[in-house]
N, C-alpha and C. Protein backbone atom coordinates (compact mmCIF):
# COMPACT_ATOMS: atom_id res chain seq x y z
N MET A 1 18.18 51.83 45.80
CA MET A 1 17.68 52.64 44.63
C MET A 1 18.64 52.58 43.50
N THR A 2 18.14 52.25 42.32
CA THR A 2 18.96 52.16 41.12
C THR A 2 18.92 53.47 40.38
N THR A 3 20.08 54.03 40.13
CA THR A 3 20.20 55.33 39.44
C THR A 3 20.57 55.06 37.98
N PRO A 4 20.35 56.01 37.10
CA PRO A 4 20.73 55.83 35.71
C PRO A 4 22.21 55.51 35.56
N THR A 5 23.07 56.10 36.42
CA THR A 5 24.43 55.84 36.37
C THR A 5 24.76 54.34 36.69
N THR A 6 24.08 53.83 37.62
CA THR A 6 24.27 52.40 37.97
C THR A 6 23.85 51.48 36.86
N ILE A 7 22.78 51.81 36.18
CA ILE A 7 22.28 51.02 35.04
C ILE A 7 23.27 51.12 33.90
N ARG A 8 23.74 52.32 33.62
CA ARG A 8 24.72 52.52 32.54
C ARG A 8 26.01 51.83 32.81
N THR A 9 26.50 51.83 34.02
CA THR A 9 27.68 51.17 34.40
C THR A 9 27.47 49.62 34.28
N ALA A 10 26.36 49.12 34.65
CA ALA A 10 26.06 47.72 34.53
C ALA A 10 26.05 47.25 33.04
N GLN A 11 25.42 48.13 32.22
CA GLN A 11 25.40 47.82 30.74
C GLN A 11 26.79 47.78 30.16
N ILE A 12 27.57 48.77 30.49
CA ILE A 12 28.94 48.85 29.95
C ILE A 12 29.77 47.65 30.42
N THR A 13 29.62 47.29 31.66
CA THR A 13 30.34 46.13 32.21
C THR A 13 29.94 44.86 31.54
N ALA A 14 28.67 44.61 31.39
CA ALA A 14 28.21 43.36 30.78
C ALA A 14 28.66 43.36 29.34
N LEU A 15 28.58 44.45 28.60
CA LEU A 15 29.04 44.46 27.24
C LEU A 15 30.54 44.18 27.17
N PHE A 16 31.29 44.80 28.04
CA PHE A 16 32.74 44.57 28.10
C PHE A 16 33.03 43.15 28.33
N LEU A 17 32.44 42.55 29.39
CA LEU A 17 32.70 41.13 29.71
C LEU A 17 32.34 40.21 28.62
N SER A 18 31.14 40.35 28.10
CA SER A 18 30.62 39.47 26.96
C SER A 18 31.53 39.58 25.77
N SER A 19 31.88 40.78 25.32
CA SER A 19 32.73 40.89 24.14
C SER A 19 34.11 40.47 24.33
N THR A 20 34.70 40.70 25.52
CA THR A 20 36.11 40.27 25.77
C THR A 20 36.16 38.80 25.81
N VAL A 21 35.27 38.10 26.56
CA VAL A 21 35.31 36.71 26.62
C VAL A 21 35.05 36.04 25.30
N SER A 22 34.16 36.64 24.50
CA SER A 22 33.87 36.18 23.21
C SER A 22 35.10 36.22 22.36
N GLY A 23 35.86 37.32 22.39
CA GLY A 23 37.05 37.44 21.61
C GLY A 23 38.12 36.45 22.04
N ILE A 24 38.33 36.28 23.35
CA ILE A 24 39.27 35.34 23.88
C ILE A 24 38.94 33.93 23.41
N SER A 25 37.67 33.55 23.51
CA SER A 25 37.25 32.24 23.14
C SER A 25 37.46 32.00 21.64
N LEU A 26 37.14 33.05 20.83
CA LEU A 26 37.31 32.89 19.36
C LEU A 26 38.82 32.76 19.07
N ALA A 27 39.66 33.55 19.76
CA ALA A 27 41.10 33.49 19.49
C ALA A 27 41.70 32.12 19.83
N LEU A 28 41.17 31.42 20.86
CA LEU A 28 41.63 30.16 21.15
C LEU A 28 41.42 29.17 19.97
N SER A 29 40.28 29.24 19.39
CA SER A 29 39.98 28.31 18.24
C SER A 29 40.69 28.72 16.93
N THR A 30 40.76 30.06 16.71
CA THR A 30 41.25 30.48 15.40
C THR A 30 42.74 30.78 15.36
N PHE A 31 43.33 31.09 16.59
CA PHE A 31 44.76 31.37 16.55
C PHE A 31 45.57 30.39 17.34
N LEU A 32 45.13 29.98 18.48
CA LEU A 32 45.91 29.08 19.31
C LEU A 32 45.88 27.68 18.75
N VAL A 33 44.79 27.12 18.48
CA VAL A 33 44.70 25.68 18.06
C VAL A 33 45.52 25.50 16.80
N PRO A 34 45.40 26.30 15.76
CA PRO A 34 46.28 26.01 14.57
C PRO A 34 47.82 26.05 14.93
N ARG A 35 48.20 26.92 15.80
CA ARG A 35 49.57 26.92 16.22
C ARG A 35 49.96 25.68 17.03
N LEU A 36 49.03 25.19 17.82
CA LEU A 36 49.27 23.95 18.66
C LEU A 36 49.44 22.79 17.67
N LEU A 37 48.65 22.73 16.62
CA LEU A 37 48.65 21.60 15.74
C LEU A 37 49.98 21.59 14.92
N GLU A 38 50.66 22.65 14.87
CA GLU A 38 52.00 22.67 14.16
C GLU A 38 53.09 22.13 15.06
N SER A 39 52.85 21.98 16.30
CA SER A 39 53.85 21.59 17.31
C SER A 39 53.96 20.07 17.36
N PRO A 40 55.14 19.58 17.86
CA PRO A 40 55.18 18.19 18.19
C PRO A 40 54.17 17.83 19.27
N VAL A 41 53.69 16.62 19.24
CA VAL A 41 52.61 16.21 20.10
C VAL A 41 52.88 16.43 21.59
N PRO A 42 54.04 16.13 22.17
CA PRO A 42 54.21 16.42 23.58
C PRO A 42 54.15 17.91 23.91
N THR A 43 54.67 18.75 23.07
CA THR A 43 54.66 20.21 23.23
C THR A 43 53.21 20.71 23.14
N MET A 44 52.47 20.21 22.18
CA MET A 44 51.10 20.60 21.95
C MET A 44 50.22 20.26 23.13
N LEU A 45 50.39 19.03 23.68
CA LEU A 45 49.60 18.59 24.84
C LEU A 45 49.97 19.50 26.03
N LEU A 46 51.21 19.71 26.30
CA LEU A 46 51.61 20.52 27.41
C LEU A 46 51.03 21.93 27.33
N GLN A 47 51.13 22.53 26.16
CA GLN A 47 50.62 23.92 25.98
C GLN A 47 49.12 23.94 26.01
N TRP A 48 48.42 22.93 25.46
CA TRP A 48 46.99 22.87 25.53
C TRP A 48 46.54 22.81 27.01
N LYS A 49 47.19 21.91 27.73
CA LYS A 49 46.87 21.75 29.19
C LYS A 49 47.09 23.06 29.95
N ARG A 50 48.14 23.77 29.73
CA ARG A 50 48.41 25.03 30.41
C ARG A 50 47.35 26.04 30.08
N THR A 51 47.07 26.17 28.78
CA THR A 51 46.05 27.10 28.31
C THR A 51 44.69 26.78 28.86
N TYR A 52 44.32 25.50 28.82
CA TYR A 52 43.01 25.09 29.29
C TYR A 52 42.89 25.46 30.81
N HIS A 53 43.85 25.18 31.59
CA HIS A 53 43.71 25.43 33.04
C HIS A 53 43.66 26.95 33.27
N ALA A 54 44.40 27.73 32.52
CA ALA A 54 44.34 29.17 32.71
C ALA A 54 42.99 29.70 32.25
N GLY A 55 42.47 29.17 31.11
CA GLY A 55 41.18 29.59 30.60
C GLY A 55 40.00 29.31 31.47
N LYS A 56 40.01 28.11 32.03
CA LYS A 56 38.81 27.66 32.79
C LYS A 56 38.65 28.50 34.06
N THR A 57 39.72 29.09 34.55
CA THR A 57 39.56 29.89 35.75
C THR A 57 39.25 31.31 35.40
N GLN A 58 39.24 31.70 34.13
CA GLN A 58 38.93 33.05 33.74
C GLN A 58 37.70 33.18 32.87
N ILE A 59 37.57 32.33 31.84
CA ILE A 59 36.47 32.43 30.90
C ILE A 59 35.09 32.16 31.44
N ALA A 60 34.97 31.01 32.13
CA ALA A 60 33.67 30.72 32.67
C ALA A 60 33.23 31.72 33.74
N PRO A 61 34.09 32.15 34.71
CA PRO A 61 33.64 33.10 35.69
C PRO A 61 33.29 34.49 35.01
N ALA A 62 34.01 34.86 34.00
CA ALA A 62 33.68 36.15 33.36
C ALA A 62 32.35 36.03 32.61
N ALA A 63 32.10 34.86 31.99
CA ALA A 63 30.82 34.73 31.30
C ALA A 63 29.68 34.71 32.29
N ALA A 64 29.95 33.96 33.46
CA ALA A 64 28.90 33.97 34.53
C ALA A 64 28.62 35.35 35.03
N ALA A 65 29.67 36.15 35.22
CA ALA A 65 29.50 37.47 35.72
C ALA A 65 28.63 38.36 34.71
N ALA A 66 29.05 38.23 33.48
CA ALA A 66 28.30 38.94 32.36
C ALA A 66 26.80 38.52 32.44
N SER A 67 26.58 37.21 32.56
CA SER A 67 25.22 36.66 32.60
C SER A 67 24.46 37.26 33.78
N ALA A 68 25.11 37.27 34.95
CA ALA A 68 24.46 37.80 36.19
C ALA A 68 24.07 39.29 35.99
N ILE A 69 24.92 40.04 35.37
CA ILE A 69 24.66 41.45 35.13
C ILE A 69 23.48 41.59 34.15
N TRP A 70 23.53 40.80 33.07
CA TRP A 70 22.39 40.89 32.15
C TRP A 70 21.07 40.52 32.84
N PHE A 71 21.06 39.51 33.66
CA PHE A 71 19.85 39.12 34.44
C PHE A 71 19.46 40.22 35.41
N TRP A 72 20.41 40.88 36.02
CA TRP A 72 20.07 41.94 36.95
C TRP A 72 19.45 43.11 36.18
N LEU A 73 20.00 43.42 34.98
CA LEU A 73 19.41 44.48 34.17
C LEU A 73 17.99 44.07 33.72
N ALA A 74 17.78 42.84 33.43
CA ALA A 74 16.40 42.38 33.05
C ALA A 74 15.46 42.57 34.20
N ALA A 75 15.90 42.30 35.43
CA ALA A 75 15.05 42.44 36.59
C ALA A 75 14.77 43.91 36.85
N LYS A 76 15.67 44.74 36.49
CA LYS A 76 15.45 46.20 36.75
C LYS A 76 14.72 46.91 35.58
N SER A 77 14.52 46.16 34.51
CA SER A 77 13.80 46.73 33.35
C SER A 77 12.26 46.75 33.64
N PRO A 78 11.68 47.90 33.40
CA PRO A 78 10.24 48.02 33.64
C PRO A 78 9.45 47.24 32.60
N ALA A 79 10.11 46.89 31.43
CA ALA A 79 9.41 46.12 30.45
C ALA A 79 9.94 44.66 30.37
N LEU A 80 9.97 44.10 31.54
CA LEU A 80 10.57 42.65 31.66
C LEU A 80 9.86 41.69 30.68
N THR A 81 8.56 41.85 30.54
CA THR A 81 7.83 40.86 29.72
C THR A 81 7.92 41.09 28.21
N ARG A 82 8.48 42.21 27.86
CA ARG A 82 8.64 42.52 26.45
C ARG A 82 9.86 43.43 26.16
N GLY A 83 10.19 43.54 24.89
CA GLY A 83 11.24 44.46 24.53
C GLY A 83 12.58 44.28 25.19
N VAL A 84 13.04 45.36 25.79
CA VAL A 84 14.37 45.43 26.37
C VAL A 84 14.60 44.33 27.48
N GLY A 85 13.60 44.12 28.25
CA GLY A 85 13.64 43.12 29.41
C GLY A 85 13.99 41.76 28.81
N ARG A 86 13.32 41.37 27.73
CA ARG A 86 13.53 40.06 27.08
C ARG A 86 14.91 40.04 26.44
N GLN A 87 15.33 41.11 25.87
CA GLN A 87 16.70 41.16 25.28
C GLN A 87 17.73 40.91 26.32
N TYR A 88 17.62 41.57 27.54
CA TYR A 88 18.53 41.32 28.60
C TYR A 88 18.51 39.90 29.06
N LEU A 89 17.32 39.33 29.20
CA LEU A 89 17.19 37.92 29.52
C LEU A 89 17.91 37.00 28.50
N ALA A 90 17.67 37.27 27.24
CA ALA A 90 18.33 36.45 26.21
C ALA A 90 19.83 36.64 26.26
N ALA A 91 20.34 37.80 26.42
CA ALA A 91 21.84 38.06 26.57
C ALA A 91 22.41 37.28 27.70
N GLY A 92 21.67 37.32 28.84
CA GLY A 92 22.12 36.59 30.02
C GLY A 92 22.11 35.05 29.78
N ALA A 93 21.09 34.59 29.18
CA ALA A 93 20.97 33.20 28.95
C ALA A 93 22.06 32.68 27.96
N LEU A 94 22.32 33.48 26.94
CA LEU A 94 23.37 33.05 26.01
C LEU A 94 24.72 33.04 26.69
N ALA A 95 25.02 34.02 27.49
CA ALA A 95 26.27 34.08 28.17
C ALA A 95 26.43 32.84 29.14
N PHE A 96 25.34 32.57 29.87
CA PHE A 96 25.41 31.46 30.82
C PHE A 96 25.47 30.13 30.12
N ALA A 97 24.88 30.04 28.91
CA ALA A 97 24.77 28.77 28.18
C ALA A 97 26.14 28.10 27.90
N ILE A 98 27.26 28.87 27.96
CA ILE A 98 28.54 28.21 27.69
C ILE A 98 28.89 27.20 28.77
N ILE A 99 28.36 27.41 29.94
CA ILE A 99 28.69 26.49 31.03
C ILE A 99 28.09 25.11 30.85
N PRO A 100 26.79 24.94 30.59
CA PRO A 100 26.28 23.61 30.31
C PRO A 100 26.76 23.11 28.97
N TYR A 101 27.00 24.00 27.97
CA TYR A 101 27.49 23.50 26.70
C TYR A 101 28.85 22.88 26.89
N THR A 102 29.70 23.50 27.70
CA THR A 102 31.00 22.90 27.99
C THR A 102 30.86 21.56 28.63
N GLY A 103 29.93 21.44 29.58
CA GLY A 103 29.76 20.22 30.28
C GLY A 103 29.24 19.09 29.39
N VAL A 104 28.31 19.40 28.54
CA VAL A 104 27.70 18.40 27.65
C VAL A 104 28.45 18.11 26.41
N MET A 105 28.90 19.10 25.74
CA MET A 105 29.53 18.93 24.40
C MET A 105 31.03 18.79 24.48
N MET A 106 31.74 19.32 25.47
CA MET A 106 33.17 19.40 25.39
C MET A 106 33.92 18.57 26.50
N MET A 107 33.23 18.20 27.56
CA MET A 107 33.91 17.62 28.68
C MET A 107 34.57 16.31 28.37
N GLU A 108 34.01 15.45 27.56
CA GLU A 108 34.65 14.26 27.18
C GLU A 108 35.89 14.45 26.37
N THR A 109 35.84 15.43 25.43
CA THR A 109 37.08 15.79 24.66
C THR A 109 38.14 16.37 25.64
N ASN A 110 37.75 17.22 26.54
CA ASN A 110 38.69 17.78 27.48
C ASN A 110 39.30 16.72 28.32
N ARG A 111 38.56 15.73 28.73
CA ARG A 111 39.01 14.61 29.55
C ARG A 111 39.99 13.84 28.82
N ARG A 112 39.72 13.48 27.55
CA ARG A 112 40.61 12.67 26.75
C ARG A 112 41.95 13.40 26.45
N ILE A 113 41.89 14.68 26.19
CA ILE A 113 43.17 15.42 25.95
C ILE A 113 43.99 15.46 27.26
N GLU A 114 43.24 15.72 28.37
CA GLU A 114 43.95 15.81 29.69
C GLU A 114 44.62 14.48 30.06
N GLU A 115 43.98 13.35 29.72
CA GLU A 115 44.58 12.09 30.01
C GLU A 115 45.90 11.92 29.16
N ARG A 116 45.86 12.38 27.97
CA ARG A 116 47.08 12.31 27.07
C ARG A 116 48.11 13.22 27.64
N ALA A 117 47.73 14.37 28.10
CA ALA A 117 48.69 15.38 28.55
C ALA A 117 49.38 14.97 29.87
N GLU A 118 48.74 14.06 30.65
CA GLU A 118 49.29 13.58 31.93
C GLU A 118 50.62 12.89 31.70
N GLY A 119 50.79 12.34 30.44
CA GLY A 119 52.05 11.60 30.23
C GLY A 119 53.17 12.55 29.75
N VAL A 120 52.97 13.82 29.82
CA VAL A 120 53.98 14.75 29.36
C VAL A 120 54.35 15.68 30.51
N SER A 121 55.62 15.91 30.74
CA SER A 121 56.07 16.84 31.77
C SER A 121 57.21 17.61 31.32
N LEU A 122 57.56 18.61 32.05
CA LEU A 122 58.73 19.51 31.74
C LEU A 122 59.73 19.31 32.91
N GLU A 123 60.83 18.79 32.59
CA GLU A 123 61.90 18.61 33.56
C GLU A 123 63.17 19.35 33.13
N ARG A 124 63.63 20.26 34.02
CA ARG A 124 64.88 20.97 33.64
C ARG A 124 64.81 21.63 32.23
N GLY A 125 63.69 22.17 31.89
CA GLY A 125 63.52 22.81 30.57
C GLY A 125 63.35 21.86 29.46
N ARG A 126 63.23 20.56 29.66
CA ARG A 126 63.12 19.60 28.60
C ARG A 126 61.81 18.88 28.68
N LEU A 127 61.15 18.69 27.59
CA LEU A 127 59.86 17.88 27.50
C LEU A 127 60.22 16.45 27.74
N ILE A 128 59.47 15.78 28.63
CA ILE A 128 59.61 14.32 28.84
C ILE A 128 58.27 13.70 28.56
N GLN A 129 58.28 12.70 27.69
CA GLN A 129 57.03 11.99 27.33
C GLN A 129 57.07 10.61 27.90
N ALA A 130 56.06 10.24 28.59
CA ALA A 130 55.96 8.85 29.12
C ALA A 130 55.88 7.88 28.02
N GLU A 131 56.17 6.64 28.35
CA GLU A 131 56.06 5.57 27.33
C GLU A 131 54.67 5.61 26.71
N GLY A 132 54.69 5.39 25.40
CA GLY A 132 53.36 5.41 24.71
C GLY A 132 53.56 5.49 23.23
N LYS A 133 52.61 6.03 22.56
CA LYS A 133 52.60 6.03 21.13
C LYS A 133 53.71 6.90 20.52
N GLY A 134 54.33 6.36 19.49
CA GLY A 134 55.35 7.12 18.77
C GLY A 134 54.68 7.98 17.69
N ASP A 135 55.50 8.70 16.91
CA ASP A 135 54.90 9.52 15.88
C ASP A 135 54.13 8.77 14.83
N GLU A 136 54.61 7.60 14.41
CA GLU A 136 53.85 6.78 13.42
C GLU A 136 52.50 6.34 13.92
N GLU A 137 52.53 5.83 15.21
CA GLU A 137 51.26 5.40 15.78
C GLU A 137 50.33 6.61 15.97
N GLU A 138 50.86 7.72 16.36
CA GLU A 138 50.08 8.94 16.53
C GLU A 138 49.36 9.40 15.17
N GLN A 139 50.19 9.31 14.09
CA GLN A 139 49.60 9.61 12.80
C GLN A 139 48.46 8.73 12.41
N MET A 140 48.67 7.48 12.62
CA MET A 140 47.60 6.48 12.31
C MET A 140 46.34 6.71 13.24
N ALA A 141 46.63 7.05 14.46
CA ALA A 141 45.49 7.34 15.35
C ALA A 141 44.74 8.57 14.88
N TRP A 142 45.44 9.55 14.31
CA TRP A 142 44.83 10.69 13.70
C TRP A 142 43.84 10.31 12.64
N VAL A 143 44.25 9.42 11.76
CA VAL A 143 43.44 8.99 10.63
C VAL A 143 42.17 8.34 11.23
N ARG A 144 42.26 7.54 12.30
CA ARG A 144 41.14 6.90 12.84
C ARG A 144 40.36 7.82 13.76
N GLY A 145 40.76 9.06 13.95
CA GLY A 145 40.00 10.00 14.80
C GLY A 145 40.31 9.79 16.21
N GLU A 146 41.45 9.23 16.57
CA GLU A 146 41.77 8.98 18.03
C GLU A 146 43.03 9.73 18.46
N GLY A 147 43.72 10.33 17.61
CA GLY A 147 45.01 10.95 17.90
C GLY A 147 44.90 12.25 18.69
N SER A 148 45.99 12.58 19.38
CA SER A 148 45.95 13.85 20.20
C SER A 148 45.69 15.01 19.31
N LYS A 149 46.34 15.05 18.13
CA LYS A 149 46.10 16.26 17.24
C LYS A 149 44.68 16.33 16.81
N TYR A 150 44.07 15.19 16.52
CA TYR A 150 42.67 15.21 16.10
C TYR A 150 41.78 15.71 17.31
N LEU A 151 42.10 15.30 18.51
CA LEU A 151 41.30 15.75 19.67
C LEU A 151 41.46 17.21 19.91
N VAL A 152 42.70 17.80 19.79
CA VAL A 152 42.87 19.26 19.94
C VAL A 152 42.20 19.96 18.83
N ASP A 153 42.22 19.47 17.63
CA ASP A 153 41.54 20.06 16.51
C ASP A 153 40.00 20.09 16.69
N TRP A 154 39.52 18.94 17.24
CA TRP A 154 38.12 18.82 17.52
C TRP A 154 37.72 19.76 18.67
N TRP A 155 38.56 19.88 19.66
CA TRP A 155 38.27 20.79 20.71
C TRP A 155 38.09 22.22 20.22
N GLY A 156 39.03 22.63 19.25
CA GLY A 156 38.93 23.96 18.66
C GLY A 156 37.60 24.16 17.96
N MET A 157 37.11 23.11 17.27
CA MET A 157 35.83 23.17 16.57
C MET A 157 34.64 23.31 17.57
N LEU A 158 34.73 22.55 18.65
CA LEU A 158 33.64 22.63 19.65
C LEU A 158 33.66 23.95 20.32
N ASN A 159 34.87 24.50 20.62
CA ASN A 159 34.93 25.81 21.23
C ASN A 159 34.34 26.94 20.42
N LEU A 160 34.21 26.74 19.10
CA LEU A 160 33.60 27.77 18.28
C LEU A 160 32.06 27.94 18.67
N GLY A 161 31.46 26.87 19.17
CA GLY A 161 30.13 26.92 19.69
C GLY A 161 30.01 27.90 20.87
N ARG A 162 30.95 27.82 21.75
CA ARG A 162 30.97 28.73 22.92
C ARG A 162 31.17 30.16 22.41
N SER A 163 32.08 30.32 21.51
CA SER A 163 32.33 31.63 20.99
C SER A 163 31.11 32.24 20.35
N ALA A 164 30.38 31.42 19.56
CA ALA A 164 29.17 31.93 18.94
C ALA A 164 28.10 32.40 19.95
N MET A 165 27.94 31.58 21.02
CA MET A 165 26.99 31.96 22.11
C MET A 165 27.45 33.32 22.72
N LEU A 166 28.69 33.48 23.00
CA LEU A 166 29.15 34.70 23.65
C LEU A 166 29.04 35.88 22.72
N MET A 167 29.27 35.67 21.47
CA MET A 167 29.09 36.77 20.46
C MET A 167 27.61 37.14 20.38
N ALA A 168 26.81 36.10 20.34
CA ALA A 168 25.33 36.42 20.26
C ALA A 168 24.81 37.14 21.56
N SER A 169 25.42 36.81 22.71
CA SER A 169 25.07 37.47 23.95
C SER A 169 25.49 38.94 23.82
N THR A 170 26.68 39.24 23.25
CA THR A 170 27.14 40.57 23.15
C THR A 170 26.23 41.38 22.13
N VAL A 171 25.86 40.80 21.02
CA VAL A 171 25.07 41.46 20.07
C VAL A 171 23.63 41.71 20.59
N VAL A 172 23.06 40.72 21.23
CA VAL A 172 21.71 40.92 21.82
C VAL A 172 21.75 42.01 22.90
N GLY A 173 22.79 41.94 23.73
CA GLY A 173 22.90 42.94 24.81
C GLY A 173 23.13 44.30 24.26
N LEU A 174 23.89 44.41 23.21
CA LEU A 174 24.16 45.73 22.56
C LEU A 174 22.83 46.27 21.97
N VAL A 175 22.04 45.44 21.37
CA VAL A 175 20.77 45.85 20.83
C VAL A 175 19.88 46.39 21.97
N ALA A 176 19.90 45.68 23.09
CA ALA A 176 19.10 46.09 24.26
C ALA A 176 19.54 47.40 24.80
N VAL A 177 20.86 47.62 24.83
CA VAL A 177 21.44 48.88 25.38
C VAL A 177 21.12 50.06 24.47
N VAL A 178 21.27 49.86 23.16
CA VAL A 178 21.11 50.87 22.24
C VAL A 178 19.59 51.09 22.01
């Protein structure tokens, strides 16, 4: 049996998850990426890699949990075919959509940055870069759209798409709750 307290708790939890993940995702593009681009390439790659691995274990599961809660609320809504039920479904679909979006739109960029980051390691507190492109070559690669900084900048732009979907999920969910 579903009580009003259970419904309200689910609504608050879904709103909290959607809005928090939206904010984190937006912060990655608007705060983290510009700071990374100011760093030397080896530092930038190492920091991007660490952030990416920390984020993928937290952002996608939180978005999936929010989505599941929105879908549960839709299933519990007496007006599933109209009004609030549809809004819950839309909020759930928007939160879930970041997973296929990441796979289709971002995975190639993620893979290319990861490949570049493989050549960087931290030994005894010092960055070690494997043999490869120097600063001048890296700058020319940037101009051609191939450089590490270009890829990280592009990743930040693509990530804004995920942020927008999560923000939309939060807004649609908030409209359904209110």
